[in-house]
Structures are given as structure tokens and as C-alpha cells.
C-alpha atoms as a PDB file:
ATOM      1  CA  MET A   1     156.004  84.243  60.935  1.00  0.00           C
ATOM      2  CA  MET A   2     155.152  83.792  64.899  1.00  0.00           C
ATOM      3  CA  ARG A   3     153.240  87.108  64.821  1.00  0.00           C
ATOM      4  CA  ARG A   4     151.361  86.108  61.600  1.00  0.00           C
ATOM      5  CA  LEU A   5     150.361  82.795  62.862  1.00  0.00           C
ATOM      6  CA  PHE A   6     149.305  84.361  66.287  1.00  0.00           C
ATOM      7  CA  TRP A   7     147.105  87.079  64.763  1.00  0.00           C
ATOM      8  CA  PHE A   8     145.476  84.157  62.273  1.00  0.00           C
ATOM      9  CA  VAL A   9     145.070  81.924  65.324  1.00  0.00           C
ATOM     10  CA  SER A  10     143.551  84.730  67.342  1.00  0.00           C
ATOM     11  CA  GLY A  11     141.075  85.774  64.439  1.00  0.00           C
ATOM     12  CA  ALA A  12     140.077  82.113  63.929  1.00  0.00           C
ATOM     13  CA  VAL A  13     139.198  81.049  67.551  1.00  0.00           C
ATOM     14  CA  ALA A  14     137.148  84.896  67.813  1.00  0.00           C
ATOM     15  CA  GLY A  15     135.154  83.767  64.466  1.00  0.00           C
ATOM     16  CA  ALA A  16     134.535  80.443  65.806  1.00  0.00           C
ATOM     17  CA  SER A  17     133.688  82.003  69.055  1.00  0.00           C
ATOM     18  CA  ILE A  18     130.995  84.391  67.598  1.00  0.00           C
ATOM     19  CA  VAL A  19     129.370  81.483  65.412  1.00  0.00           C
ATOM     20  CA  VAL A  20     128.865  79.655  68.292  1.00  0.00           C
ATOM     21  CA  TRP A  21     127.173  82.451  70.610  1.00  0.00           C
ATOM     22  CA  VAL A  22     125.670  83.399  67.248  1.00  0.00           C
ATOM     23  CA  LYS A  23     123.898  80.161  66.813  1.00  0.00           C
ATOM     24  CA  ARG A  24     122.694  79.496  70.237  1.00  0.00           C
ATOM     25  CA  THR A  25     121.170  82.901  70.040  1.00  0.00           C
ATOM     26  CA  ILE A  26     119.502  82.140  66.828  1.00  0.00           C
ATOM     27  CA  VAL A  27     118.354  79.081  69.160  1.00  0.00           C
ATOM     28  CA  SER A  28     116.524  80.463  71.669  1.00  0.00           C
ATOM     29  CA  VAL A  29     114.964  83.021  70.168  1.00  0.00           C
ATOM     30  CA  SER A  30     113.286  80.828  67.436  1.00  0.00           C
ATOM     31  CA  GLU A  31     111.877  78.317  70.579  1.00  0.00           C
ATOM     32  CA  LYS A  32     110.322  81.639  71.901  1.00  0.00           C
ATOM     33  CA  LEU A  33     108.741  82.408  68.731  1.00  0.00           C
ATOM     34  CA  THR A  34     106.793  79.295  68.343  1.00  0.00           C
ATOM     35  CA  PRO A  35     102.861  79.631  68.532  1.00  0.00           C
ATOM     36  CA  ALA A  36     102.885  77.527  71.595  1.00  0.00           C
ATOM     37  CA  HIS A  37     105.191  79.752  73.705  1.00  0.00           C
ATOM     38  CA  ILE A  38     103.579  82.899  72.351  1.00  0.00           C
ATOM     39  CA  ALA A  39     100.444  81.160  73.313  1.00  0.00           C
ATOM     40  CA  ASP A  40     101.298  80.663  76.527  1.00  0.00           C
ATOM     41  CA  SER A  41     102.830  83.916  77.819  1.00  0.00           C
ATOM     42  CA  ILE A  42      99.647  86.070  76.451  1.00  0.00           C
ATOM     43  CA  ALA A  43      97.652  83.462  78.647  1.00  0.00           C
ATOM     44  CA  ALA A  44     100.237  84.131  81.451  1.00  0.00           C
ATOM     45  CA  GLY A  45     100.185  87.787  81.309  1.00  0.00           C
ATOM     46  CA  VAL A  46      96.227  87.500  80.957  1.00  0.00           C
ATOM     47  CA  ARG A  47      96.202  85.707  84.182  1.00  0.00           C
ATOM     48  CA  ARG A  48      98.366  87.906  85.658  1.00  0.00           C
ATOM     49  CA  SER A  49      96.722  90.818  84.953  1.00  0.00           C
ATOM     50  CA  VAL A  50      93.099  89.269  85.896  1.00  0.00           C
ATOM     51  CA  MET A  51      94.854  87.916  89.069  1.00  0.00           C
ATOM     52  CA  ALA A  52      96.010  91.981  90.405  1.00  0.00           C
ATOM     53  CA  LEU A  53      92.780  93.222  89.304  1.00  0.00           C
ATOM     54  CA  SER A  54      90.763  90.705  91.566  1.00  0.00           C
ATOM     55  CA  ASP A  55      93.488  91.737  94.330  1.00  0.00           C
ATOM     56  CA  GLY A  56      92.677  95.115  93.964  1.00  0.00           C
ATOM     57  CA  LEU A  57      89.048  94.898  93.663  1.00  0.00           C
ATOM     58  CA  VAL A  58      88.817  92.553  96.980  1.00  0.00           C
ATOM     59  CA  SER A  59      91.037  94.875  98.747  1.00  0.00           C
ATOM     60  CA  LEU A  60      88.534  97.956  98.022  1.00  0.00           C
ATOM     61  CA  ILE A  61      85.693  95.920  98.862  1.00  0.00           C
ATOM     62  CA  ASP A  62      87.443  95.658 102.235  1.00  0.00           C
ATOM     63  CA  THR A  63      88.693  98.828 102.505  1.00  0.00           C
ATOM     64  CA  PHE A  64      84.649 100.281 101.987  1.00  0.00           C
ATOM     65  CA  ARG A  65      83.334  97.715 104.519  1.00  0.00           C
ATOM     66  CA  ASN A  66      85.792  98.672 106.796  1.00  0.00           C
ATOM     67  CA  ARG A  67      85.568 102.234 106.800  1.00  0.00           C
ATOM     68  CA  GLU A  68      81.578 101.570 106.568  1.00  0.00           C
ATOM     69  CA  ALA A  69      82.238  99.788 109.904  1.00  0.00           C
ATOM     70  CA  SER A  70      84.476 102.354 111.888  1.00  0.00           C
ATOM     71  CA  ARG A  71      82.398 105.231 111.293  1.00  0.00           C
ATOM     72  CA  PRO A  72      80.363 106.006 114.113  1.00  0.00           C
ATOM     73  CA  SER A  73      76.666 105.276 113.807  1.00  0.00           C
ATOM     74  CA  SER A  74      75.418 108.304 115.309  1.00  0.00           C
ATOM     75  CA  THR A  75      76.431 110.810 112.579  1.00  0.00           C
ATOM     76  CA  PRO A  76      75.247 110.551 109.037  1.00  0.00           C
ATOM     77  CA  PRO A  77      77.525 109.336 106.417  1.00  0.00           C
ATOM     78  CA  SER A  78      77.471 112.341 104.332  1.00  0.00           C
ATOM     79  CA  MET A  79      78.775 114.587 107.509  1.00  0.00           C
ATOM     80  CA  SER A  80      82.663 114.262 108.274  1.00  0.00           C
ATOM     81  CA  SER A  81      83.828 116.591 110.799  1.00  0.00           C
ATOM     82  CA  SER A  82      86.043 119.452 109.882  1.00  0.00           C
ATOM     83  CA  SER A  83      89.295 118.239 111.635  1.00  0.00           C
ATOM     84  CA  ASN A  84      89.402 115.129 110.045  1.00  0.00           C
ATOM     85  CA  ALA A  85      89.613 117.475 106.915  1.00  0.00           C
ATOM     86  CA  PRO A  86      93.034 117.934 105.180  1.00  0.00           C
ATOM     87  CA  THR A  87      94.413 121.138 104.806  1.00  0.00           C
ATOM     88  CA  ARG A  88      95.075 122.879 101.868  1.00  0.00           C
ATOM     89  CA  ARG A  89      97.427 124.854 101.511  1.00  0.00           C
ATOM     90  CA  HIS A  90      98.225 127.811  98.217  1.00  0.00           C
ATOM     91  CA  ASN A  91     101.331 127.447  96.404  1.00  0.00           C
ATOM     92  CA  PRO A  92     101.522 131.411  94.779  1.00  0.00           C
ATOM     93  CA  PRO A  93     101.918 131.439  91.297  1.00  0.00           C
ATOM     94  CA  ARG A  94     105.633 131.225  89.602  1.00  0.00           C
ATOM     95  CA  GLN A  95     107.346 134.226  88.602  1.00  0.00           C
ATOM     96  CA  ARG A  96     107.847 134.505  84.712  1.00  0.00           C
ATOM     97  CA  THR A  97     111.319 134.736  83.334  1.00  0.00           C
ATOM     98  CA  SER A  98     111.967 135.981  79.699  1.00  0.00           C
ATOM     99  CA  HIS A  99     113.929 132.723  79.145  1.00  0.00           C
ATOM    100  CA  ARG A 100     112.138 129.203  78.862  1.00  0.00           C
END
């Protein structure tokens, strides 16, 4: 009799806790799906994207200005010295195998 009572009470506690968890989950999801919350999240995403784009453009402009300022005035902008050019390495083609 005690075993049956133990398992009955254990099942009732598990069922009650699952019901409470499901209710909390549904309430939190329903709050996130309101039109005002969706509009706020879209606006925040657009705001973050615009800020990231503007920061990128500002850093690009600064880099361009710094590069132009650091270039010596005696050499024309189209000519660069060969020592500053990156070295290119040739990678031989890979040997083909019959199994792929």
C-alpha cells in the first residue's frame, strides 16, 4: 500500500510541477509575441544595424585618411614600391584520387 501511495504522490507532484512550468512558459512567450514587443525588437535590430554600419563607415574613412596622410608626397599615389607588395606563393594542384 505504501508503494502505491508513494508512486501516486510522486506522479501528482511531477504533474503539478509540469503544469506550473508550462503555464510560465506560455505566459512568457505570449508577452514576447505582443505587437508592441515585436515592434520594439525590430526597431532595436534596425538601430543596431545602422550603428554598426555607421561605425564601419567611420573606421573606413579614418583608415583612408590616415593612409593618404602617411603616404610620402614625393611618390605618386598610383606607384607603390615592390618591397611593400605581398609575396604570392604558388600552391601546386592536389593529386586526384579515385575515391571521393
